[in-house]
PDB file of all heavy atoms in Angstrom:
ATOM      1  N   ALA A   1     -15.724  -4.147  -1.760  1.00  0.00           N
ATOM      2  CA  ALA A   1     -16.358  -3.218  -2.766  1.00  0.00           C
ATOM      3  C   ALA A   1     -16.400  -1.833  -2.118  1.00  0.00           C
ATOM      4  O   ALA A   1     -16.879  -1.607  -1.009  1.00  0.00           O
ATOM      5  CB  ALA A   1     -17.941  -3.637  -2.975  1.00  0.00           C
ATOM      6  N   ALA A   2     -15.949  -0.874  -2.939  1.00  0.00           N
ATOM      7  CA  ALA A   2     -15.806   0.555  -2.540  1.00  0.00           C
ATOM      8  C   ALA A   2     -16.962   1.223  -3.160  1.00  0.00           C
ATOM      9  O   ALA A   2     -17.422   1.004  -4.194  1.00  0.00           O
ATOM     10  CB  ALA A   2     -14.492   1.138  -2.949  1.00  0.00           C
ATOM     11  N   SER A   3     -17.371   2.270  -2.407  1.00  0.00           N
ATOM     12  CA  SER A   3     -18.530   3.125  -2.849  1.00  0.00           C
ATOM     13  C   SER A   3     -18.156   4.096  -3.933  1.00  0.00           C
ATOM     14  O   SER A   3     -19.143   4.687  -4.529  1.00  0.00           O
ATOM     15  CB  SER A   3     -19.094   3.895  -1.643  1.00  0.00           C
ATOM     16  OG  SER A   3     -18.122   4.750  -1.105  1.00  0.00           O
ATOM     17  N   ARG A   4     -16.963   4.343  -4.142  1.00  0.00           N
ATOM     18  CA  ARG A   4     -16.561   5.195  -5.173  1.00  0.00           C
ATOM     19  C   ARG A   4     -15.262   4.810  -5.862  1.00  0.00           C
ATOM     20  O   ARG A   4     -14.787   3.751  -5.469  1.00  0.00           O
ATOM     21  CB  ARG A   4     -16.368   6.699  -4.766  1.00  0.00           C
ATOM     22  CG  ARG A   4     -15.238   6.816  -3.655  1.00  0.00           C
ATOM     23  CD  ARG A   4     -14.929   8.239  -3.479  1.00  0.00           C
ATOM     24  NE  ARG A   4     -13.857   8.378  -2.458  1.00  0.00           N
ATOM     25  CZ  ARG A   4     -12.639   8.223  -2.557  1.00  0.00           C
ATOM     26  NH1 ARG A   4     -12.037   7.847  -3.702  1.00  0.00           N
ATOM     27  NH2 ARG A   4     -11.745   8.500  -1.534  1.00  0.00           N
ATOM     28  N   SER A   5     -14.757   5.516  -6.800  1.00  0.00           N
ATOM     29  CA  SER A   5     -13.607   5.261  -7.487  1.00  0.00           C
ATOM     30  C   SER A   5     -12.386   5.066  -6.539  1.00  0.00           C
ATOM     31  O   SER A   5     -12.201   5.815  -5.633  1.00  0.00           O
ATOM     32  CB  SER A   5     -13.189   6.260  -8.543  1.00  0.00           C
ATOM     33  OG  SER A   5     -11.932   6.112  -9.105  1.00  0.00           O
ATOM     34  N   ILE A   6     -11.520   4.017  -6.775  1.00  0.00           N
ATOM     35  CA  ILE A   6     -10.415   3.676  -5.970  1.00  0.00           C
ATOM     36  C   ILE A   6      -9.096   4.033  -6.779  1.00  0.00           C
ATOM     37  O   ILE A   6      -8.059   3.637  -6.244  1.00  0.00           O
ATOM     38  CB  ILE A   6     -10.466   2.258  -5.492  1.00  0.00           C
ATOM     39  CG1 ILE A   6     -10.283   1.262  -6.529  1.00  0.00           C
ATOM     40  CG2 ILE A   6     -11.624   2.059  -4.545  1.00  0.00           C
ATOM     41  CD1 ILE A   6     -10.110  -0.155  -6.124  1.00  0.00           C
ATOM     42  N   ILE A   7      -9.335   4.540  -7.985  1.00  0.00           N
ATOM     43  CA  ILE A   7      -8.079   4.667  -8.749  1.00  0.00           C
ATOM     44  C   ILE A   7      -7.042   5.688  -8.047  1.00  0.00           C
ATOM     45  O   ILE A   7      -5.822   5.422  -8.216  1.00  0.00           O
ATOM     46  CB  ILE A   7      -8.518   5.523 -10.136  1.00  0.00           C
ATOM     47  CG1 ILE A   7      -9.387   4.451 -11.025  1.00  0.00           C
ATOM     48  CG2 ILE A   7      -7.293   5.876 -10.945  1.00  0.00           C
ATOM     49  CD1 ILE A   7      -9.922   5.003 -12.164  1.00  0.00           C
ATOM     50  N   SER A   8      -7.499   6.593  -7.305  1.00  0.00           N
ATOM     51  CA  SER A   8      -6.619   7.585  -6.744  1.00  0.00           C
ATOM     52  C   SER A   8      -6.146   7.099  -5.330  1.00  0.00           C
ATOM     53  O   SER A   8      -5.312   7.728  -4.725  1.00  0.00           O
ATOM     54  CB  SER A   8      -7.263   8.887  -6.524  1.00  0.00           C
ATOM     55  OG  SER A   8      -8.394   8.830  -5.666  1.00  0.00           O
ATOM     56  N   ILE A   9      -6.589   5.947  -4.865  1.00  0.00           N
ATOM     57  CA  ILE A   9      -6.240   5.410  -3.526  1.00  0.00           C
ATOM     58  C   ILE A   9      -4.965   4.524  -3.811  1.00  0.00           C
ATOM     59  O   ILE A   9      -5.030   3.553  -4.325  1.00  0.00           O
ATOM     60  CB  ILE A   9      -7.351   4.567  -2.953  1.00  0.00           C
ATOM     61  CG1 ILE A   9      -8.593   5.371  -2.794  1.00  0.00           C
ATOM     62  CG2 ILE A   9      -6.930   3.993  -1.622  1.00  0.00           C
ATOM     63  CD1 ILE A   9      -9.770   4.644  -2.214  1.00  0.00           C
ATOM     64  N   ASN A  10      -3.831   5.150  -3.254  1.00  0.00           N
ATOM     65  CA  ASN A  10      -2.573   4.469  -3.392  1.00  0.00           C
ATOM     66  C   ASN A  10      -2.421   3.095  -2.731  1.00  0.00           C
ATOM     67  O   ASN A  10      -1.885   2.122  -3.419  1.00  0.00           O
ATOM     68  CB  ASN A  10      -1.486   5.359  -2.886  1.00  0.00           C
ATOM     69  CG  ASN A  10      -0.042   4.842  -3.280  1.00  0.00           C
ATOM     70  OD1 ASN A  10       0.330   4.458  -4.396  1.00  0.00           O
ATOM     71  ND2 ASN A  10       0.739   4.593  -2.178  1.00  0.00           N
ATOM     72  N   THR A  11      -2.939   3.072  -1.511  1.00  0.00           N
ATOM     73  CA  THR A  11      -2.862   1.753  -0.851  1.00  0.00           C
ATOM     74  C   THR A  11      -4.111   1.225  -0.257  1.00  0.00           C
ATOM     75  O   THR A  11      -4.888   2.024   0.276  1.00  0.00           O
ATOM     76  CB  THR A  11      -1.802   1.980   0.380  1.00  0.00           C
ATOM     77  OG1 THR A  11      -0.596   2.429  -0.072  1.00  0.00           O
ATOM     78  CG2 THR A  11      -1.611   0.651   1.046  1.00  0.00           C
ATOM     79  N   MET A  12      -4.284  -0.014  -0.652  1.00  0.00           N
ATOM     80  CA  MET A  12      -5.516  -0.639  -0.041  1.00  0.00           C
ATOM     81  C   MET A  12      -4.984  -2.061   0.553  1.00  0.00           C
ATOM     82  O   MET A  12      -3.898  -2.430   0.101  1.00  0.00           O
ATOM     83  CB  MET A  12      -6.572  -0.953  -1.107  1.00  0.00           C
ATOM     84  CG  MET A  12      -7.185   0.229  -1.697  1.00  0.00           C
ATOM     85  SD  MET A  12      -8.550  -0.108  -2.840  1.00  0.00           S
ATOM     86  CE  MET A  12      -9.832  -0.683  -1.518  1.00  0.00           C
ATOM     87  N   GLY A  13      -5.670  -2.580   1.465  1.00  0.00           N
ATOM     88  CA  GLY A  13      -5.256  -3.843   2.029  1.00  0.00           C
ATOM     89  C   GLY A  13      -6.282  -4.582   2.908  1.00  0.00           C
ATOM     90  O   GLY A  13      -7.376  -4.113   3.024  1.00  0.00           O
ATOM     91  N   TRP A  14      -5.834  -5.721   3.336  1.00  0.00           N
ATOM     92  CA  TRP A  14      -6.597  -6.588   4.167  1.00  0.00           C
ATOM     93  C   TRP A  14      -5.894  -6.818   5.493  1.00  0.00           C
ATOM     94  O   TRP A  14      -4.817  -6.984   5.568  1.00  0.00           O
ATOM     95  CB  TRP A  14      -6.782  -7.964   3.521  1.00  0.00           C
ATOM     96  CG  TRP A  14      -7.662  -7.894   2.250  1.00  0.00           C
ATOM     97  CD1 TRP A  14      -7.262  -7.823   1.005  1.00  0.00           C
ATOM     98  CD2 TRP A  14      -9.133  -8.060   2.274  1.00  0.00           C
ATOM     99  NE1 TRP A  14      -8.380  -7.882   0.140  1.00  0.00           N
ATOM    100  CE2 TRP A  14      -9.463  -8.006   0.896  1.00  0.00           C
ATOM    101  CE3 TRP A  14     -10.120  -8.115   3.246  1.00  0.00           C
ATOM    102  CZ2 TRP A  14     -10.905  -8.085   0.435  1.00  0.00           C
ATOM    103  CZ3 TRP A  14     -11.396  -8.293   2.821  1.00  0.00           C
ATOM    104  CH2 TRP A  14     -11.700  -8.231   1.501  1.00  0.00           C
ATOM    105  N   TYR A  15      -6.769  -6.697   6.619  1.00  0.00           N
ATOM    106  CA  TYR A  15      -6.375  -6.974   7.923  1.00  0.00           C
ATOM    107  C   TYR A  15      -7.226  -8.025   8.410  1.00  0.00           C
ATOM    108  O   TYR A  15      -8.333  -8.326   7.895  1.00  0.00           O
ATOM    109  CB  TYR A  15      -6.459  -5.712   8.683  1.00  0.00           C
ATOM    110  CG  TYR A  15      -5.388  -4.668   8.489  1.00  0.00           C
ATOM    111  CD1 TYR A  15      -5.345  -3.856   7.413  1.00  0.00           C
ATOM    112  CD2 TYR A  15      -4.455  -4.503   9.588  1.00  0.00           C
ATOM    113  CE1 TYR A  15      -4.352  -2.923   7.346  1.00  0.00           C
ATOM    114  CE2 TYR A  15      -3.396  -3.415   9.380  1.00  0.00           C
ATOM    115  CZ  TYR A  15      -3.390  -2.717   8.289  1.00  0.00           C
ATOM    116  OH  TYR A  15      -2.458  -1.721   8.049  1.00  0.00           O
ATOM    117  N   ARG A  16      -6.801  -8.665   9.555  1.00  0.00           N
ATOM    118  CA  ARG A  16      -7.628  -9.617  10.220  1.00  0.00           C
ATOM    119  C   ARG A  16      -7.471  -9.618  11.719  1.00  0.00           C
ATOM    120  O   ARG A  16      -6.405  -9.059  12.151  1.00  0.00           O
ATOM    121  CB  ARG A  16      -7.352 -11.061   9.682  1.00  0.00           C
ATOM    122  CG  ARG A  16      -5.985 -11.640  10.080  1.00  0.00           C
ATOM    123  CD  ARG A  16      -5.769 -12.971   9.457  1.00  0.00           C
ATOM    124  NE  ARG A  16      -4.440 -13.579   9.775  1.00  0.00           N
ATOM    125  CZ  ARG A  16      -3.929 -14.648   9.262  1.00  0.00           C
ATOM    126  NH1 ARG A  16      -4.558 -15.246   8.259  1.00  0.00           N
ATOM    127  NH2 ARG A  16      -2.731 -15.135   9.671  1.00  0.00           N
ATOM    128  N   GLN A  17      -8.444  -9.982  12.413  1.00  0.00           N
ATOM    129  CA  GLN A  17      -8.315  -9.994  13.872  1.00  0.00           C
ATOM    130  C   GLN A  17      -9.088 -11.184  14.382  1.00  0.00           C
ATOM    131  O   GLN A  17     -10.297 -11.416  14.176  1.00  0.00           O
ATOM    132  CB  GLN A  17      -9.076  -8.679  14.468  1.00  0.00           C
ATOM    133  CG  GLN A  17      -8.918  -8.573  15.936  1.00  0.00           C
ATOM    134  CD  GLN A  17      -9.172  -7.206  16.444  1.00  0.00           C
ATOM    135  OE1 GLN A  17     -10.042  -6.444  15.817  1.00  0.00           O
ATOM    136  NE2 GLN A  17      -8.500  -6.782  17.511  1.00  0.00           N
ATOM    137  N   ALA A  18      -8.317 -11.959  15.133  1.00  0.00           N
ATOM    138  CA  ALA A  18      -8.848 -13.128  15.749  1.00  0.00           C
ATOM    139  C   ALA A  18      -9.155 -12.867  17.224  1.00  0.00           C
ATOM    140  O   ALA A  18      -8.506 -11.844  17.867  1.00  0.00           O
ATOM    141  CB  ALA A  18      -7.782 -14.272  15.739  1.00  0.00           C
ATOM    142  N   PRO A  19     -10.038 -13.643  17.850  1.00  0.00           N
ATOM    143  CA  PRO A  19     -10.346 -13.335  19.197  1.00  0.00           C
ATOM    144  C   PRO A  19      -9.110 -13.400  20.191  1.00  0.00           C
ATOM    145  O   PRO A  19      -8.278 -14.214  20.045  1.00  0.00           O
ATOM    146  CB  PRO A  19     -11.291 -14.517  19.591  1.00  0.00           C
ATOM    147  CG  PRO A  19     -11.944 -14.869  18.302  1.00  0.00           C
ATOM    148  CD  PRO A  19     -10.817 -14.659  17.216  1.00  0.00           C
ATOM    149  N   GLY A  20      -9.046 -12.312  20.898  1.00  0.00           N
ATOM    150  CA  GLY A  20      -7.810 -12.284  21.909  1.00  0.00           C
ATOM    151  C   GLY A  20      -6.569 -11.829  21.238  1.00  0.00           C
ATOM    152  O   GLY A  20      -5.517 -11.765  21.845  1.00  0.00           O
ATOM    153  N   LYS A  21      -6.559 -11.483  19.942  1.00  0.00           N
ATOM    154  CA  LYS A  21      -5.319 -11.053  19.235  1.00  0.00           C
ATOM    155  C   LYS A  21      -5.498  -9.660  18.658  1.00  0.00           C
ATOM    156  O   LYS A  21      -6.555  -9.184  18.421  1.00  0.00           O
ATOM    157  CB  LYS A  21      -5.099 -12.112  18.133  1.00  0.00           C
ATOM    158  CG  LYS A  21      -4.665 -13.415  18.565  1.00  0.00           C
ATOM    159  CD  LYS A  21      -4.343 -14.386  17.422  1.00  0.00           C
ATOM    160  CE  LYS A  21      -3.022 -13.850  16.763  1.00  0.00           C
ATOM    161  NZ  LYS A  21      -2.632 -14.806  15.749  1.00  0.00           N
ATOM    162  N   GLN A  22      -4.372  -9.029  18.393  1.00  0.00           N
ATOM    163  CA  GLN A  22      -4.332  -7.735  17.813  1.00  0.00           C
ATOM    164  C   GLN A  22      -4.754  -7.846  16.292  1.00  0.00           C
ATOM    165  O   GLN A  22      -4.450  -8.876  15.597  1.00  0.00           O
ATOM    166  CB  GLN A  22      -2.957  -7.218  17.859  1.00  0.00           C
ATOM    167  CG  GLN A  22      -2.392  -6.791  19.350  1.00  0.00           C
ATOM    168  CD  GLN A  22      -2.912  -5.411  19.728  1.00  0.00           C
ATOM    169  OE1 GLN A  22      -3.675  -4.677  19.005  1.00  0.00           O
ATOM    170  NE2 GLN A  22      -2.510  -5.005  20.934  1.00  0.00           N
ATOM    171  N   ARG A  23      -5.333  -6.754  15.813  1.00  0.00           N
ATOM    172  CA  ARG A  23      -5.549  -6.720  14.326  1.00  0.00           C
ATOM    173  C   ARG A  23      -4.203  -6.678  13.557  1.00  0.00           C
ATOM    174  O   ARG A  23      -3.359  -5.940  13.986  1.00  0.00           O
ATOM    175  CB  ARG A  23      -6.401  -5.555  13.978  1.00  0.00           C
ATOM    176  CG  ARG A  23      -6.774  -5.403  12.543  1.00  0.00           C
ATOM    177  CD  ARG A  23      -7.778  -4.319  12.362  1.00  0.00           C
ATOM    178  NE  ARG A  23      -7.407  -3.020  12.969  1.00  0.00           N
ATOM    179  CZ  ARG A  23      -8.110  -1.944  13.094  1.00  0.00           C
ATOM    180  NH1 ARG A  23      -9.487  -1.990  12.596  1.00  0.00           N
ATOM    181  NH2 ARG A  23      -7.736  -0.873  13.667  1.00  0.00           N
ATOM    182  N   GLU A  24      -4.099  -7.435  12.663  1.00  0.00           N
ATOM    183  CA  GLU A  24      -2.826  -7.625  11.967  1.00  0.00           C
ATOM    184  C   GLU A  24      -2.929  -7.438  10.416  1.00  0.00           C
ATOM    185  O   GLU A  24      -3.964  -7.762   9.854  1.00  0.00           O
ATOM    186  CB  GLU A  24      -2.179  -8.940  12.176  1.00  0.00           C
ATOM    187  CG  GLU A  24      -2.901 -10.170  11.668  1.00  0.00           C
ATOM    188  CD  GLU A  24      -2.134 -11.465  11.914  1.00  0.00           C
ATOM    189  OE1 GLU A  24      -0.951 -11.455  12.369  1.00  0.00           O
ATOM    190  OE2 GLU A  24      -2.806 -12.487  11.771  1.00  0.00           O
ATOM    191  N   LEU A  25      -1.947  -6.925   9.819  1.00  0.00           N
ATOM    192  CA  LEU A  25      -1.928  -6.724   8.372  1.00  0.00           C
ATOM    193  C   LEU A  25      -1.760  -8.072   7.684  1.00  0.00           C
ATOM    194  O   LEU A  25      -0.896  -8.824   8.120  1.00  0.00           O
ATOM    195  CB  LEU A  25      -0.783  -5.798   7.939  1.00  0.00           C
ATOM    196  CG  LEU A  25      -0.667  -5.570   6.431  1.00  0.00           C
ATOM    197  CD1 LEU A  25      -1.827  -4.917   5.872  1.00  0.00           C
ATOM    198  CD2 LEU A  25       0.648  -4.904   6.180  1.00  0.00           C
ATOM    199  N   VAL A  26      -2.599  -8.395   6.794  1.00  0.00           N
ATOM    200  CA  VAL A  26      -2.502  -9.636   5.948  1.00  0.00           C
ATOM    201  C   VAL A  26      -1.793  -9.314   4.625  1.00  0.00           C
ATOM    202  O   VAL A  26      -0.907 -10.075   4.375  1.00  0.00           O
ATOM    203  CB  VAL A  26      -3.923 -10.111   5.826  1.00  0.00           C
ATOM    204  CG1 VAL A  26      -3.787 -11.435   4.813  1.00  0.00           C
ATOM    205  CG2 VAL A  26      -4.583 -10.555   7.062  1.00  0.00           C
ATOM    206  N   ALA A  27      -2.339  -8.388   3.962  1.00  0.00           N
ATOM    207  CA  ALA A  27      -1.647  -8.075   2.719  1.00  0.00           C
ATOM    208  C   ALA A  27      -2.111  -6.628   2.314  1.00  0.00           C
ATOM    209  O   ALA A  27      -3.157  -6.114   2.773  1.00  0.00           O
ATOM    210  CB  ALA A  27      -2.201  -9.146   1.619  1.00  0.00           C
ATOM    211  N   GLN A  28      -1.230  -6.061   1.446  1.00  0.00           N
ATOM    212  CA  GLN A  28      -1.649  -4.741   1.001  1.00  0.00           C
ATOM    213  C   GLN A  28      -1.185  -4.593  -0.526  1.00  0.00           C
ATOM    214  O   GLN A  28      -0.264  -5.302  -0.920  1.00  0.00           O
ATOM    215  CB  GLN A  28      -1.019  -3.567   1.784  1.00  0.00           C
ATOM    216  CG  GLN A  28       0.510  -3.503   1.800  1.00  0.00           C
ATOM    217  CD  GLN A  28       1.058  -2.473   2.739  1.00  0.00           C
ATOM    218  OE1 GLN A  28       0.383  -1.976   3.688  1.00  0.00           O
ATOM    219  NE2 GLN A  28       2.205  -1.981   2.478  1.00  0.00           N
ATOM    220  N   ILE A  29      -1.840  -3.611  -1.202  1.00  0.00           N
ATOM    221  CA  ILE A  29      -1.570  -3.456  -2.608  1.00  0.00           C
ATOM    222  C   ILE A  29      -1.593  -2.064  -2.847  1.00  0.00           C
ATOM    223  O   ILE A  29      -2.446  -1.291  -2.443  1.00  0.00           O
ATOM    224  CB  ILE A  29      -2.529  -4.292  -3.496  1.00  0.00           C
ATOM    225  CG1 ILE A  29      -2.139  -4.172  -4.982  1.00  0.00           C
ATOM    226  CG2 ILE A  29      -4.013  -3.850  -3.174  1.00  0.00           C
ATOM    227  CD1 ILE A  29      -2.982  -5.191  -5.783  1.00  0.00           C
ATOM    228  N   SER A  30      -0.660  -1.576  -3.688  1.00  0.00           N
ATOM    229  CA  SER A  30      -0.573  -0.141  -4.176  1.00  0.00           C
ATOM    230  C   SER A  30      -1.356   0.114  -5.451  1.00  0.00           C
ATOM    231  O   SER A  30      -1.741  -0.908  -6.121  1.00  0.00           O
ATOM    232  CB  SER A  30       0.917   0.203  -4.351  1.00  0.00           C
ATOM    233  OG  SER A  30       1.383  -0.300  -5.543  1.00  0.00           O
ATOM    234  N   SER A  31      -1.474   1.266  -5.819  1.00  0.00           N
ATOM    235  CA  SER A  31      -2.179   1.556  -7.066  1.00  0.00           C
ATOM    236  C   SER A  31      -1.393   1.096  -8.254  1.00  0.00           C
ATOM    237  O   SER A  31      -2.017   0.911  -9.321  1.00  0.00           O
ATOM    238  CB  SER A  31      -2.327   3.110  -7.154  1.00  0.00           C
ATOM    239  OG  SER A  31      -1.074   3.810  -7.261  1.00  0.00           O
ATOM    240  N   GLY A  32      -0.111   0.853  -8.130  1.00  0.00           N
ATOM    241  CA  GLY A  32       0.754   0.199  -9.117  1.00  0.00           C
ATOM    242  C   GLY A  32       0.846  -1.240  -9.077  1.00  0.00           C
ATOM    243  O   GLY A  32       1.697  -1.879  -9.709  1.00  0.00           O
ATOM    244  N   ASN A  33      -0.013  -1.836  -8.258  1.00  0.00           N
ATOM    245  CA  ASN A  33      -0.029  -3.262  -8.042  1.00  0.00           C
ATOM    246  C   ASN A  33       1.162  -3.874  -7.418  1.00  0.00           C
ATOM    247  O   ASN A  33       1.475  -5.076  -7.685  1.00  0.00           O
ATOM    248  CB  ASN A  33      -0.410  -3.998  -9.356  1.00  0.00           C
ATOM    249  CG  ASN A  33      -1.781  -3.791  -9.780  1.00  0.00           C
ATOM    250  OD1 ASN A  33      -2.720  -3.822  -9.010  1.00  0.00           O
ATOM    251  ND2 ASN A  33      -2.056  -3.663 -11.038  1.00  0.00           N
ATOM    252  N   ILE A  34       1.879  -3.129  -6.581  1.00  0.00           N
ATOM    253  CA  ILE A  34       2.954  -3.494  -5.792  1.00  0.00           C
ATOM    254  C   ILE A  34       2.223  -4.252  -4.532  1.00  0.00           C
ATOM    255  O   ILE A  34       1.439  -3.542  -3.881  1.00  0.00           O
ATOM    256  CB  ILE A  34       3.840  -2.558  -5.385  1.00  0.00           C
ATOM    257  CG1 ILE A  34       4.520  -1.809  -6.670  1.00  0.00           C
ATOM    258  CG2 ILE A  34       5.043  -3.104  -4.561  1.00  0.00           C
ATOM    259  CD1 ILE A  34       5.201  -2.726  -7.579  1.00  0.00           C
ATOM    260  N   VAL A  35       2.602  -5.433  -4.265  1.00  0.00           N
ATOM    261  CA  VAL A  35       1.960  -6.114  -3.116  1.00  0.00           C
ATOM    262  C   VAL A  35       2.966  -6.482  -2.002  1.00  0.00           C
ATOM    263  O   VAL A  35       4.153  -6.675  -2.229  1.00  0.00           O
ATOM    264  CB  VAL A  35       1.308  -7.406  -3.620  1.00  0.00           C
ATOM    265  CG1 VAL A  35       0.224  -6.952  -4.656  1.00  0.00           C
ATOM    266  CG2 VAL A  35       2.187  -8.332  -4.148  1.00  0.00           C
ATOM    267  N   ASP A  36       2.465  -6.525  -0.728  1.00  0.00           N
ATOM    268  CA  ASP A  36       3.147  -7.026   0.335  1.00  0.00           C
ATOM    269  C   ASP A  36       2.313  -7.966   1.034  1.00  0.00           C
ATOM    270  O   ASP A  36       1.046  -7.801   1.213  1.00  0.00           O
ATOM    271  CB  ASP A  36       3.596  -5.919   1.201  1.00  0.00           C
ATOM    272  CG  ASP A  36       4.698  -5.123   0.744  1.00  0.00           C
ATOM    273  OD1 ASP A  36       5.758  -5.632   0.434  1.00  0.00           O
ATOM    274  OD2 ASP A  36       4.448  -3.904   0.379  1.00  0.00           O
ATOM    275  N   TYR A  37       2.885  -9.082   1.728  1.00  0.00           N
ATOM    276  CA  TYR A  37       2.096 -10.046   2.479  1.00  0.00           C
ATOM    277  C   TYR A  37       2.722 -10.321   3.797  1.00  0.00           C
ATOM    278  O   TYR A  37       3.975 -10.219   4.030  1.00  0.00           O
ATOM    279  CB  TYR A  37       2.097 -11.300   1.751  1.00  0.00           C
ATOM    280  CG  TYR A  37       1.441 -11.403   0.403  1.00  0.00           C
ATOM    281  CD1 TYR A  37       2.068 -11.088  -0.693  1.00  0.00           C
ATOM    282  CD2 TYR A  37      -0.019 -11.438   0.400  1.00  0.00           C
ATOM    283  CE1 TYR A  37       1.448 -11.159  -1.975  1.00  0.00           C
ATOM    284  CE2 TYR A  37      -0.651 -11.477  -0.804  1.00  0.00           C
ATOM    285  CZ  TYR A  37      -0.004 -11.322  -2.022  1.00  0.00           C
ATOM    286  OH  TYR A  37      -0.608 -11.238  -3.278  1.00  0.00           O
ATOM    287  N   ALA A  38       1.984 -10.524   4.722  1.00  0.00           N
ATOM    288  CA  ALA A  38       2.422 -11.082   6.022  1.00  0.00           C
ATOM    289  C   ALA A  38       3.093 -12.327   5.837  1.00  0.00           C
ATOM    290  O   ALA A  38       2.661 -13.190   5.026  1.00  0.00           O
ATOM    291  CB  ALA A  38       1.259 -11.196   7.000  1.00  0.00           C
ATOM    292  N   ALA A  39       4.151 -12.648   6.655  1.00  0.00           N
ATOM    293  CA  ALA A  39       4.905 -13.890   6.524  1.00  0.00           C
ATOM    294  C   ALA A  39       3.965 -15.122   6.634  1.00  0.00           C
ATOM    295  O   ALA A  39       4.171 -16.170   5.987  1.00  0.00           O
ATOM    296  CB  ALA A  39       6.083 -13.926   7.405  1.00  0.00           C
ATOM    297  N   SER A  40       3.020 -14.975   7.463  1.00  0.00           N
ATOM    298  CA  SER A  40       2.196 -16.133   7.817  1.00  0.00           C
ATOM    299  C   SER A  40       1.237 -16.505   6.601  1.00  0.00           C
ATOM    300  O   SER A  40       0.704 -17.621   6.541  1.00  0.00           O
ATOM    301  CB  SER A  40       1.189 -15.805   8.981  1.00  0.00           C
ATOM    302  OG  SER A  40       0.455 -14.643   8.768  1.00  0.00           O
ATOM    303  N   VAL A  41       1.031 -15.628   5.625  1.00  0.00           N
ATOM    304  CA  VAL A  41       0.165 -16.013   4.492  1.00  0.00           C
ATOM    305  C   VAL A  41       0.872 -15.989   3.192  1.00  0.00           C
ATOM    306  O   VAL A  41       0.261 -16.350   2.191  1.00  0.00           O
ATOM    307  CB  VAL A  41      -1.121 -14.977   4.414  1.00  0.00           C
ATOM    308  CG1 VAL A  41      -1.771 -14.929   5.822  1.00  0.00           C
ATOM    309  CG2 VAL A  41      -0.587 -13.592   4.025  1.00  0.00           C
ATOM    310  N   LYS A  42       2.166 -15.539   3.163  1.00  0.00           N
ATOM    311  CA  LYS A  42       2.871 -15.511   1.913  1.00  0.00           C
ATOM    312  C   LYS A  42       2.898 -16.851   1.248  1.00  0.00           C
ATOM    313  O   LYS A  42       3.261 -17.799   1.883  1.00  0.00           O
ATOM    314  CB  LYS A  42       4.294 -14.917   2.191  1.00  0.00           C
ATOM    315  CG  LYS A  42       4.981 -14.528   0.922  1.00  0.00           C
ATOM    316  CD  LYS A  42       6.292 -13.861   1.316  1.00  0.00           C
ATOM    317  CE  LYS A  42       7.058 -13.282   0.084  1.00  0.00           C
ATOM    318  NZ  LYS A  42       6.273 -12.253  -0.609  1.00  0.00           N
TER     319      LYS A  42
END
């Protein structure tokens, strides 16, 4: 949940971090609903 309008935010995404591991990109989505996924979750 965002505190204000996200219409103008081109890219939003999800990252995750497990203990002892680097934070990694899980998925991202553009304002035009173009999506990308990490291979591990695709």
